[in-house]
Amino acid sequence: MGNPIKKEVIHAKGIDIGIYTTDFENEFISLTDLAKYKSDEPNDVIRNWMRGRDVIEFLGLWESLHNPDFKPVEFDGFKSQAGSNAFTMSPAKWIKGVNAIGIVVKSGRYGGGTYAHMDIAMAFATWLSPEFQLYVMKDYRRLKSDESSRISLGWNLNREIAKLNYRIHTDAIKENLIPPELTAEQIAFTYASEADLLNVALFGLTAKQWRENHPGKKDNMRDEATLQQLLILANLESYNAILIEQGKTQSERLVALRDLAVQQMRSLQALNLGNLPQLPEGQA
């Protein structure tokens, strides 16, 4: 998984439980924090849980479904021993033995410990206490609900900003690029050309090319855009209107718009506002 790392905390039965994700999809919950519900020695609790045969089978099934580099032969060795009095298991032993990705061990004084994908973490929480698992899930859902509301509000706000700037942008096209004698078809083509100018500057391809690459999609490329891309798009529309007023040719404007898009993407990345697709190298 890559950077940046997004960290959050949920609360259940008076315990702070750390969560992190690097791709904003697969979230990892601290088993170390969860285990504190049971004991002041969380590592012992985790190792005890991992000794069970049913737990080893569950972990192996999860890895086989999600991990293309999972080692099934090594897993069979663990499974054959699991449940016996002499069998011991730790997160580090499991990770090294089967090349696991569902459980990770993070170092560090703050935020360090054993983490597991939420599927696995919820199974661990249930093993600790079904009641405790319900409290964990309740606050996790609250966190996701709050996050969804913030994202929805931010996306819609940026979408409306883009729409307002689009009006400024199209007015500049009408006043500076479209002579009165052009037909309605020619005017429509000019609008489409300017829209695709922005598409190429920001996304690296035209709307038609995007549709060809996404057959069956009902949305357009801007509906699929990230919050950061919509924000940059709004800025590009305003900047393009200024360039049009200055009499710049379309080729000159494409270069200037792409430079601005690259600059703003880099600035947003530096602020850890999310991963943005890299623009194609070379001339746009």
C-alpha atoms as a PDB file:
ATOM      1  CA  MET A   1       0.000   0.000   0.000  1.00  0.00           C
ATOM      2  CA  GLY A   2       1.121   3.562  -0.699  1.00  0.00           C
ATOM      3  CA  ASN A   3       1.027   6.975   0.881  1.00  0.00           C
ATOM      4  CA  PRO A   4      -0.449   9.157   2.193  1.00  0.00           C
ATOM      5  CA  ILE A   5      -1.670   7.352   5.335  1.00  0.00           C
ATOM      6  CA  LYS A   6      -5.030   8.427   6.676  1.00  0.00           C
ATOM      7  CA  LYS A   7      -5.419   7.867  10.446  1.00  0.00           C
ATOM      8  CA  GLU A   8      -8.584   7.957  12.528  1.00  0.00           C
ATOM      9  CA  VAL A   9      -9.818   6.796  15.920  1.00  0.00           C
ATOM     10  CA  ILE A  10     -13.078   5.235  17.045  1.00  0.00           C
ATOM     11  CA  HIS A  11     -14.245   4.754  20.642  1.00  0.00           C
ATOM     12  CA  ALA A  12     -15.913   1.682  22.138  1.00  0.00           C
ATOM     13  CA  LYS A  13     -16.585   0.974  25.807  1.00  0.00           C
ATOM     14  CA  GLY A  14     -14.087   3.643  26.863  1.00  0.00           C
ATOM     15  CA  ILE A  15     -11.281   2.358  24.611  1.00  0.00           C
ATOM     16  CA  ASP A  16      -9.669   4.403  21.823  1.00  0.00           C
ATOM     17  CA  ILE A  17      -9.134   2.200  18.762  1.00  0.00           C
ATOM     18  CA  GLY A  18      -6.851   3.319  15.958  1.00  0.00           C
ATOM     19  CA  ILE A  19      -7.712   2.911  12.275  1.00  0.00           C
ATOM     20  CA  TYR A  20      -5.559   3.650   9.257  1.00  0.00           C
ATOM     21  CA  THR A  21      -5.767   3.308   5.514  1.00  0.00           C
ATOM     22  CA  THR A  22      -3.396   4.113   2.681  1.00  0.00           C
ATOM     23  CA  ASP A  23      -5.795   3.688  -0.241  1.00  0.00           C
ATOM     24  CA  PHE A  24      -9.010   5.061   1.326  1.00  0.00           C
ATOM     25  CA  GLU A  25     -10.759   1.755   0.708  1.00  0.00           C
ATOM     26  CA  ASN A  26      -9.155  -1.015   2.778  1.00  0.00           C
ATOM     27  CA  GLU A  27      -9.077   0.048   6.404  1.00  0.00           C
ATOM     28  CA  PHE A  28      -6.940  -1.571   9.095  1.00  0.00           C
ATOM     29  CA  ILE A  29      -8.050  -1.560  12.742  1.00  0.00           C
ATOM     30  CA  SER A  30      -5.678  -1.904  15.679  1.00  0.00           C
ATOM     31  CA  LEU A  31      -5.908  -5.387  17.195  1.00  0.00           C
ATOM     32  CA  THR A  32      -3.615  -4.111  19.938  1.00  0.00           C
ATOM     33  CA  ASP A  33      -6.192  -1.494  20.954  1.00  0.00           C
ATOM     34  CA  LEU A  34      -9.073  -3.967  20.684  1.00  0.00           C
ATOM     35  CA  ALA A  35      -7.231  -6.479  22.880  1.00  0.00           C
ATOM     36  CA  LYS A  36      -6.953  -3.900  25.661  1.00  0.00           C
ATOM     37  CA  TYR A  37     -10.643  -4.561  26.296  1.00  0.00           C
ATOM     38  CA  LYS A  38      -9.563  -7.969  27.619  1.00  0.00           C
ATOM     39  CA  SER A  39      -6.154  -7.404  29.176  1.00  0.00           C
ATOM     40  CA  ASP A  40      -3.305  -5.016  29.855  1.00  0.00           C
ATOM     41  CA  GLU A  41      -1.135  -7.448  27.874  1.00  0.00           C
ATOM     42  CA  PRO A  42      -2.719  -7.136  24.415  1.00  0.00           C
ATOM     43  CA  ASN A  43       0.032  -9.048  22.595  1.00  0.00           C
ATOM     44  CA  ASP A  44      -0.690 -12.154  24.686  1.00  0.00           C
ATOM     45  CA  VAL A  45      -4.403 -11.853  23.873  1.00  0.00           C
ATOM     46  CA  ILE A  46      -3.699 -11.652  20.126  1.00  0.00           C
ATOM     47  CA  ARG A  47      -1.347 -14.654  20.182  1.00  0.00           C
ATOM     48  CA  ASN A  48      -3.868 -16.680  22.163  1.00  0.00           C
ATOM     49  CA  TRP A  49      -6.579 -15.878  19.610  1.00  0.00           C
ATOM     50  CA  MET A  50      -4.345 -16.928  16.729  1.00  0.00           C
ATOM     51  CA  ARG A  51      -3.722 -20.387  18.247  1.00  0.00           C
ATOM     52  CA  GLY A  52      -7.244 -21.567  17.392  1.00  0.00           C
ATOM     53  CA  ARG A  53      -7.698 -23.854  14.405  1.00  0.00           C
ATOM     54  CA  ASP A  54     -10.878 -22.091  13.296  1.00  0.00           C
ATOM     55  CA  VAL A  55      -9.058 -18.733  13.438  1.00  0.00           C
ATOM     56  CA  ILE A  56      -6.157 -20.038  11.330  1.00  0.00           C
ATOM     57  CA  GLU A  57      -8.637 -21.425   8.789  1.00  0.00           C
ATOM     58  CA  PHE A  58     -10.461 -18.079   8.702  1.00  0.00           C
ATOM     59  CA  LEU A  59      -7.233 -16.112   8.234  1.00  0.00           C
ATOM     60  CA  GLY A  60      -6.113 -18.501   5.500  1.00  0.00           C
ATOM     61  CA  LEU A  61      -9.416 -18.180   3.663  1.00  0.00           C
ATOM     62  CA  TRP A  62      -9.241 -14.371   3.841  1.00  0.00           C
ATOM     63  CA  GLU A  63      -5.715 -14.375   2.401  1.00  0.00           C
ATOM     64  CA  SER A  64      -6.646 -16.803  -0.374  1.00  0.00           C
ATOM     65  CA  LEU A  65      -9.469 -14.471  -1.426  1.00  0.00           C
ATOM     66  CA  HIS A  66      -7.484 -11.210  -1.283  1.00  0.00           C
ATOM     67  CA  ASN A  67      -3.797 -12.014  -1.584  1.00  0.00           C
ATOM     68  CA  PRO A  68      -2.357 -13.277  -4.915  1.00  0.00           C
ATOM     69  CA  ASP A  69       0.999 -13.914  -3.206  1.00  0.00           C
ATOM     70  CA  PHE A  70      -0.446 -16.047  -0.404  1.00  0.00           C
ATOM     71  CA  LYS A  71       1.546 -19.234   0.309  1.00  0.00           C
ATOM     72  CA  PRO A  72      -0.948 -22.122   0.545  1.00  0.00           C
ATOM     73  CA  VAL A  73       1.633 -24.826   1.233  1.00  0.00           C
ATOM     74  CA  GLU A  74       2.977 -23.000   4.276  1.00  0.00           C
ATOM     75  CA  PHE A  75      -0.606 -22.348   5.365  1.00  0.00           C
ATOM     76  CA  ASP A  76      -1.408 -26.074   5.268  1.00  0.00           C
ATOM     77  CA  GLY A  77       1.505 -26.632   7.633  1.00  0.00           C
ATOM     78  CA  PHE A  78       0.098 -24.136  10.124  1.00  0.00           C
ATOM     79  CA  LYS A  79      -3.428 -25.535   9.789  1.00  0.00           C
ATOM     80  CA  SER A  80      -2.307 -29.087  10.521  1.00  0.00           C
ATOM     81  CA  GLN A  81      -0.711 -27.946  13.794  1.00  0.00           C
ATOM     82  CA  ALA A  82      -3.351 -25.409  14.878  1.00  0.00           C
ATOM     83  CA  GLY A  83      -5.299 -26.236  18.006  1.00  0.00           C
ATOM     84  CA  SER A  84      -2.698 -28.524  19.532  1.00  0.00           C
ATOM     85  CA  ASN A  85      -1.228 -27.757  22.944  1.00  0.00           C
ATOM     86  CA  ALA A  86       2.226 -27.175  21.460  1.00  0.00           C
ATOM     87  CA  PHE A  87       1.037 -24.831  18.706  1.00  0.00           C
ATOM     88  CA  THR A  88       1.946 -21.157  19.012  1.00  0.00           C
ATOM     89  CA  MET A  89       1.260 -18.323  16.610  1.00  0.00           C
ATOM     90  CA  SER A  90       2.063 -14.611  16.499  1.00  0.00           C
ATOM     91  CA  PRO A  91       1.309 -11.883  13.955  1.00  0.00           C
ATOM     92  CA  ALA A  92       4.960 -11.739  12.862  1.00  0.00           C
ATOM     93  CA  LYS A  93       5.144 -15.532  12.441  1.00  0.00           C
ATOM     94  CA  TRP A  94       1.913 -15.565  10.430  1.00  0.00           C
ATOM     95  CA  ILE A  95       2.962 -12.685   8.173  1.00  0.00           C
ATOM     96  CA  LYS A  96       6.381 -14.169   7.447  1.00  0.00           C
ATOM     97  CA  GLY A  97       5.108 -17.731   7.074  1.00  0.00           C
ATOM     98  CA  VAL A  98       2.324 -17.198   4.526  1.00  0.00           C
ATOM     99  CA  ASN A  99       3.251 -13.741   3.187  1.00  0.00           C
ATOM    100  CA  ALA A 100       0.069 -12.365   4.756  1.00  0.00           C
ATOM    101  CA  ILE A 101      -1.355  -8.910   3.961  1.00  0.00           C
ATOM    102  CA  GLY A 102      -4.487  -8.995   6.131  1.00  0.00           C
ATOM    103  CA  ILE A 103      -2.477  -8.498   9.324  1.00  0.00           C
ATOM    104  CA  VAL A 104       0.367  -5.982   9.642  1.00  0.00           C
ATOM    105  CA  VAL A 105       2.695  -4.968  12.431  1.00  0.00           C
ATOM    106  CA  LYS A 106       3.537  -1.285  12.699  1.00  0.00           C
ATOM    107  CA  SER A 107       6.398   0.067  14.745  1.00  0.00           C
ATOM    108  CA  GLY A 108       6.461   3.350  16.620  1.00  0.00           C
ATOM    109  CA  ARG A 109       5.748   4.672  20.060  1.00  0.00           C
ATOM    110  CA  TYR A 110       2.493   6.274  18.945  1.00  0.00           C
ATOM    111  CA  GLY A 111       0.197   4.298  16.667  1.00  0.00           C
ATOM    112  CA  GLY A 112       2.397   1.216  16.659  1.00  0.00           C
ATOM    113  CA  GLY A 113       1.102  -2.311  17.218  1.00  0.00           C
ATOM    114  CA  THR A 114      -0.722  -5.051  15.354  1.00  0.00           C
ATOM    115  CA  TYR A 115      -3.367  -4.014  12.840  1.00  0.00           C
ATOM    116  CA  ALA A 116      -5.741  -6.114  10.756  1.00  0.00           C
ATOM    117  CA  HIS A 117      -8.069  -5.534   7.842  1.00  0.00           C
ATOM    118  CA  MET A 118     -11.492  -4.628   9.182  1.00  0.00           C
ATOM    119  CA  ASP A 119     -12.906  -8.050   8.153  1.00  0.00           C
ATOM    120  CA  ILE A 120     -10.371  -9.740  10.397  1.00  0.00           C
ATOM    121  CA  ALA A 121     -10.543  -7.114  13.138  1.00  0.00           C
ATOM    122  CA  MET A 122     -14.303  -7.541  13.502  1.00  0.00           C
ATOM    123  CA  ALA A 123     -13.870 -11.306  13.840  1.00  0.00           C
ATOM    124  CA  PHE A 124     -11.290 -10.681  16.568  1.00  0.00           C
ATOM    125  CA  ALA A 125     -13.609  -8.240  18.350  1.00  0.00           C
ATOM    126  CA  THR A 126     -16.405 -10.826  18.284  1.00  0.00           C
ATOM    127  CA  TRP A 127     -14.036 -13.410  19.799  1.00  0.00           C
ATOM    128  CA  LEU A 128     -13.215 -10.947  22.565  1.00  0.00           C
ATOM    129  CA  SER A 129     -16.883 -10.238  23.277  1.00  0.00           C
ATOM    130  CA  PRO A 130     -19.951 -10.107  20.993  1.00  0.00           C
ATOM    131  CA  GLU A 131     -21.197  -7.152  23.045  1.00  0.00           C
ATOM    132  CA  PHE A 132     -17.889  -5.321  22.590  1.00  0.00           C
ATOM    133  CA  GLN A 133     -17.956  -6.016  18.843  1.00  0.00           C
ATOM    134  CA  LEU A 134     -21.359  -4.324  18.615  1.00  0.00           C
ATOM    135  CA  TYR A 135     -20.002  -1.211  20.317  1.00  0.00           C
ATOM    136  CA  VAL A 136     -17.008  -1.206  17.961  1.00  0.00           C
ATOM    137  CA  MET A 137     -19.218  -1.578  14.902  1.00  0.00           C
ATOM    138  CA  LYS A 138     -21.619   1.122  16.119  1.00  0.00           C
ATOM    139  CA  ASP A 139     -18.886   3.739  16.419  1.00  0.00           C
ATOM    140  CA  TYR A 140     -17.248   2.592  13.189  1.00  0.00           C
ATOM    141  CA  ARG A 141     -20.526   3.140  11.354  1.00  0.00           C
ATOM    142  CA  ARG A 142     -20.872   6.560  12.967  1.00  0.00           C
ATOM    143  CA  LEU A 143     -17.392   7.444  11.710  1.00  0.00           C
ATOM    144  CA  LYS A 144     -18.202   6.273   8.180  1.00  0.00           C
ATOM    145  CA  SER A 145     -21.518   8.157   8.194  1.00  0.00           C
ATOM    146  CA  ASP A 146     -19.818  11.394   9.250  1.00  0.00           C
ATOM    147  CA  GLU A 147     -17.098  10.887   6.655  1.00  0.00           C
ATOM    148  CA  SER A 148     -19.639  10.194   3.913  1.00  0.00           C
ATOM    149  CA  SER A 149     -21.554  13.364   4.783  1.00  0.00           C
ATOM    150  CA  ARG A 150     -18.376  15.462   4.632  1.00  0.00           C
ATOM    151  CA  ILE A 151     -17.351  13.973   1.292  1.00  0.00           C
ATOM    152  CA  SER A 152     -20.823  14.435  -0.188  1.00  0.00           C
ATOM    153  CA  LEU A 153     -20.975  18.061   0.963  1.00  0.00           C
ATOM    154  CA  GLY A 154     -17.487  18.805  -0.338  1.00  0.00           C
ATOM    155  CA  TRP A 155     -18.095  17.094  -3.695  1.00  0.00           C
ATOM    156  CA  ASN A 156     -21.362  18.936  -4.279  1.00  0.00           C
ATOM    157  CA  LEU A 157     -19.798  22.266  -3.259  1.00  0.00           C
ATOM    158  CA  ASN A 158     -16.915  21.857  -5.683  1.00  0.00           C
ATOM    159  CA  ARG A 159     -19.325  20.698  -8.403  1.00  0.00           C
ATOM    160  CA  GLU A 160     -21.387  23.879  -7.966  1.00  0.00           C
ATOM    161  CA  ILE A 161     -18.225  26.005  -8.062  1.00  0.00           C
ATOM    162  CA  ALA A 162     -17.273  24.315 -11.318  1.00  0.00           C
ATOM    163  CA  LYS A 163     -20.729  25.049 -12.750  1.00  0.00           C
ATOM    164  CA  LEU A 164     -20.493  28.745 -11.823  1.00  0.00           C
ATOM    165  CA  ASN A 165     -17.040  29.031 -13.355  1.00  0.00           C
ATOM    166  CA  TYR A 166     -18.292  27.205 -16.445  1.00  0.00           C
ATOM    167  CA  ARG A 167     -20.793  30.040 -17.034  1.00  0.00           C
ATOM    168  CA  ILE A 168     -17.973  32.591 -16.842  1.00  0.00           C
ATOM    169  CA  HIS A 169     -15.944  30.387 -19.156  1.00  0.00           C
ATOM    170  CA  THR A 170     -18.669  29.975 -21.814  1.00  0.00           C
ATOM    171  CA  ASP A 171     -19.463  33.705 -21.733  1.00  0.00           C
ATOM    172  CA  ALA A 172     -15.815  34.434 -22.550  1.00  0.00           C
ATOM    173  CA  ILE A 173     -15.964  31.972 -25.453  1.00  0.00           C
ATOM    174  CA  LYS A 174     -19.142  33.580 -26.791  1.00  0.00           C
ATOM    175  CA  GLU A 175     -17.746  37.103 -26.552  1.00  0.00           C
ATOM    176  CA  ASN A 176     -14.243  36.433 -27.865  1.00  0.00           C
ATOM    177  CA  LEU A 177     -14.175  33.283 -30.005  1.00  0.00           C
ATOM    178  CA  ILE A 178     -17.514  33.114 -31.780  1.00  0.00           C
ATOM    179  CA  PRO A 179     -18.111  35.608 -34.582  1.00  0.00           C
ATOM    180  CA  PRO A 180     -21.803  36.535 -35.088  1.00  0.00           C
ATOM    181  CA  GLU A 181     -21.990  34.826 -38.482  1.00  0.00           C
ATOM    182  CA  LEU A 182     -21.292  31.323 -37.133  1.00  0.00           C
ATOM    183  CA  THR A 183     -24.138  28.818 -37.305  1.00  0.00           C
ATOM    184  CA  ALA A 184     -25.648  27.162 -34.235  1.00  0.00           C
ATOM    185  CA  GLU A 185     -23.802  23.950 -35.120  1.00  0.00           C
ATOM    186  CA  GLN A 186     -20.509  25.807 -35.296  1.00  0.00           C
ATOM    187  CA  ILE A 187     -21.179  27.491 -31.950  1.00  0.00           C
ATOM    188  CA  ALA A 188     -21.925  24.128 -30.339  1.00  0.00           C
ATOM    189  CA  PHE A 189     -18.725  22.706 -31.813  1.00  0.00           C
ATOM    190  CA  THR A 190     -16.694  25.574 -30.404  1.00  0.00           C
ATOM    191  CA  TYR A 191     -18.114  24.977 -26.925  1.00  0.00           C
ATOM    192  CA  ALA A 192     -17.311  21.285 -27.184  1.00  0.00           C
ATOM    193  CA  SER A 193     -13.796  22.065 -28.353  1.00  0.00           C
ATOM    194  CA  GLU A 194     -13.152  24.359 -25.389  1.00  0.00           C
ATOM    195  CA  ALA A 195     -14.578  21.819 -22.955  1.00  0.00           C
ATOM    196  CA  ASP A 196     -12.259  19.175 -24.366  1.00  0.00           C
ATOM    197  CA  LEU A 197      -9.361  21.615 -24.112  1.00  0.00           C
ATOM    198  CA  LEU A 198      -9.902  21.583 -20.347  1.00  0.00           C
ATOM    199  CA  ASN A 199     -10.436  17.818 -20.356  1.00  0.00           C
ATOM    200  CA  VAL A 200      -7.101  17.236 -22.072  1.00  0.00           C
ATOM    201  CA  ALA A 201      -5.323  19.715 -19.801  1.00  0.00           C
ATOM    202  CA  LEU A 202      -6.646  18.040 -16.647  1.00  0.00           C
ATOM    203  CA  PHE A 203      -7.492  14.433 -17.521  1.00  0.00           C
ATOM    204  CA  GLY A 204      -5.211  13.840 -20.511  1.00  0.00           C
ATOM    205  CA  LEU A 205      -8.006  12.832 -22.901  1.00  0.00           C
ATOM    206  CA  THR A 206     -11.186  14.134 -24.535  1.00  0.00           C
ATOM    207  CA  ALA A 207     -14.714  13.310 -23.430  1.00  0.00           C
ATOM    208  CA  LYS A 208     -15.101  10.998 -26.447  1.00  0.00           C
ATOM    209  CA  GLN A 209     -11.902   9.154 -25.621  1.00  0.00           C
ATOM    210  CA  TRP A 210     -13.069   8.752 -22.004  1.00  0.00           C
ATOM    211  CA  ARG A 211     -16.396   7.286 -23.141  1.00  0.00           C
ATOM    212  CA  GLU A 212     -14.601   4.872 -25.450  1.00  0.00           C
ATOM    213  CA  ASN A 213     -12.437   3.762 -22.515  1.00  0.00           C
ATOM    214  CA  HIS A 214     -15.469   3.329 -20.242  1.00  0.00           C
ATOM    215  CA  PRO A 215     -18.198   1.599 -22.296  1.00  0.00           C
ATOM    216  CA  GLY A 216     -21.486   1.258 -20.474  1.00  0.00           C
ATOM    217  CA  LYS A 217     -20.817   4.151 -18.091  1.00  0.00           C
ATOM    218  CA  LYS A 218     -23.806   6.487 -17.771  1.00  0.00           C
ATOM    219  CA  ASP A 219     -21.841   9.248 -16.052  1.00  0.00           C
ATOM    220  CA  ASN A 220     -19.378  11.512 -17.837  1.00  0.00           C
ATOM    221  CA  MET A 221     -15.730  11.985 -16.958  1.00  0.00           C
ATOM    222  CA  ARG A 222     -16.447  15.027 -14.788  1.00  0.00           C
ATOM    223  CA  ASP A 223     -19.054  13.131 -12.766  1.00  0.00           C
ATOM    224  CA  GLU A 224     -16.340  10.562 -12.039  1.00  0.00           C
ATOM    225  CA  ALA A 225     -13.828  13.253 -11.017  1.00  0.00           C
ATOM    226  CA  THR A 226     -12.338  13.504  -7.540  1.00  0.00           C
ATOM    227  CA  LEU A 227     -12.889  16.491  -5.256  1.00  0.00           C
ATOM    228  CA  GLN A 228      -9.404  17.738  -6.069  1.00  0.00           C
ATOM    229  CA  GLN A 229      -9.928  17.401  -9.823  1.00  0.00           C
ATOM    230  CA  LEU A 230     -13.195  19.362  -9.624  1.00  0.00           C
ATOM    231  CA  LEU A 231     -11.481  22.117  -7.673  1.00  0.00           C
ATOM    232  CA  ILE A 232      -8.692  22.325 -10.259  1.00  0.00           C
ATOM    233  CA  LEU A 233     -11.253  22.220 -13.077  1.00  0.00           C
ATOM    234  CA  ALA A 234     -12.992  25.265 -11.616  1.00  0.00           C
ATOM    235  CA  ASN A 235      -9.680  27.120 -11.537  1.00  0.00           C
ATOM    236  CA  LEU A 236      -8.852  26.074 -15.099  1.00  0.00           C
ATOM    237  CA  GLU A 237     -12.184  27.392 -16.358  1.00  0.00           C
ATOM    238  CA  SER A 238     -11.581  30.779 -14.790  1.00  0.00           C
ATOM    239  CA  TYR A 239      -7.992  30.893 -16.048  1.00  0.00           C
ATOM    240  CA  ASN A 240      -9.037  29.873 -19.562  1.00  0.00           C
ATOM    241  CA  ALA A 241     -11.542  32.740 -19.626  1.00  0.00           C
ATOM    242  CA  ILE A 242      -8.700  35.156 -18.814  1.00  0.00           C
ATOM    243  CA  LEU A 243      -6.476  33.640 -21.514  1.00  0.00           C
ATOM    244  CA  ILE A 244      -9.289  33.967 -24.039  1.00  0.00           C
ATOM    245  CA  GLU A 245      -9.705  37.630 -23.122  1.00  0.00           C
ATOM    246  CA  GLN A 246      -5.969  38.061 -23.746  1.00  0.00           C
ATOM    247  CA  GLY A 247      -6.330  36.681 -27.260  1.00  0.00           C
ATOM    248  CA  LYS A 248      -4.206  33.559 -26.697  1.00  0.00           C
ATOM    249  CA  THR A 249      -4.519  30.813 -29.287  1.00  0.00           C
ATOM    250  CA  GLN A 250      -5.950  27.451 -28.291  1.00  0.00           C
ATOM    251  CA  SER A 251      -2.526  25.814 -28.512  1.00  0.00           C
ATOM    252  CA  GLU A 252      -1.013  28.480 -26.234  1.00  0.00           C
ATOM    253  CA  ARG A 253      -3.858  28.098 -23.794  1.00  0.00           C
ATOM    254  CA  LEU A 254      -3.561  24.294 -23.686  1.00  0.00           C
ATOM    255  CA  VAL A 255       0.089  24.535 -22.646  1.00  0.00           C
ATOM    256  CA  ALA A 256      -0.669  27.173 -20.001  1.00  0.00           C
ATOM    257  CA  LEU A 257      -3.674  25.253 -18.642  1.00  0.00           C
ATOM    258  CA  ARG A 258      -1.756  21.995 -18.390  1.00  0.00           C
ATOM    259  CA  ASP A 259       1.086  23.768 -16.560  1.00  0.00           C
ATOM    260  CA  LEU A 260      -1.425  25.197 -14.085  1.00  0.00           C
ATOM    261  CA  ALA A 261      -3.088  21.780 -13.611  1.00  0.00           C
ATOM    262  CA  VAL A 262       0.256  20.122 -12.877  1.00  0.00           C
ATOM    263  CA  GLN A 263       1.240  22.901 -10.454  1.00  0.00           C
ATOM    264  CA  GLN A 264      -2.048  22.718  -8.557  1.00  0.00           C
ATOM    265  CA  MET A 265      -2.043  18.925  -8.425  1.00  0.00           C
ATOM    266  CA  ARG A 266       1.406  18.985  -6.886  1.00  0.00           C
ATOM    267  CA  SER A 267       0.305  21.589  -4.358  1.00  0.00           C
ATOM    268  CA  LEU A 268      -2.730  19.519  -3.346  1.00  0.00           C
ATOM    269  CA  GLN A 269      -0.613  16.385  -3.035  1.00  0.00           C
ATOM    270  CA  ALA A 270       1.788  18.247  -0.762  1.00  0.00           C
ATOM    271  CA  LEU A 271      -1.181  19.098   1.450  1.00  0.00           C
ATOM    272  CA  ASN A 272      -2.122  15.380   1.682  1.00  0.00           C
ATOM    273  CA  LEU A 273      -5.572  15.969   0.200  1.00  0.00           C
ATOM    274  CA  GLY A 274      -5.569  12.672  -1.662  1.00  0.00           C
ATOM    275  CA  ASN A 275      -3.893  10.879  -4.528  1.00  0.00           C
ATOM    276  CA  LEU A 276      -4.512  12.467  -7.912  1.00  0.00           C
ATOM    277  CA  PRO A 277      -3.843  10.753 -11.236  1.00  0.00           C
ATOM    278  CA  GLN A 278      -0.610  11.921 -12.817  1.00  0.00           C
ATOM    279  CA  LEU A 279      -0.953  13.851 -16.059  1.00  0.00           C
ATOM    280  CA  PRO A 280       0.711  12.318 -19.117  1.00  0.00           C
ATOM    281  CA  GLU A 281       4.319  13.245 -19.641  1.00  0.00           C
ATOM    282  CA  GLY A 282       5.381  15.221 -22.680  1.00  0.00           C
ATOM    283  CA  GLN A 283       3.306  17.532 -24.794  1.00  0.00           C
ATOM    284  CA  ALA A 284      -0.441  17.534 -24.211  1.00  0.00           C
END
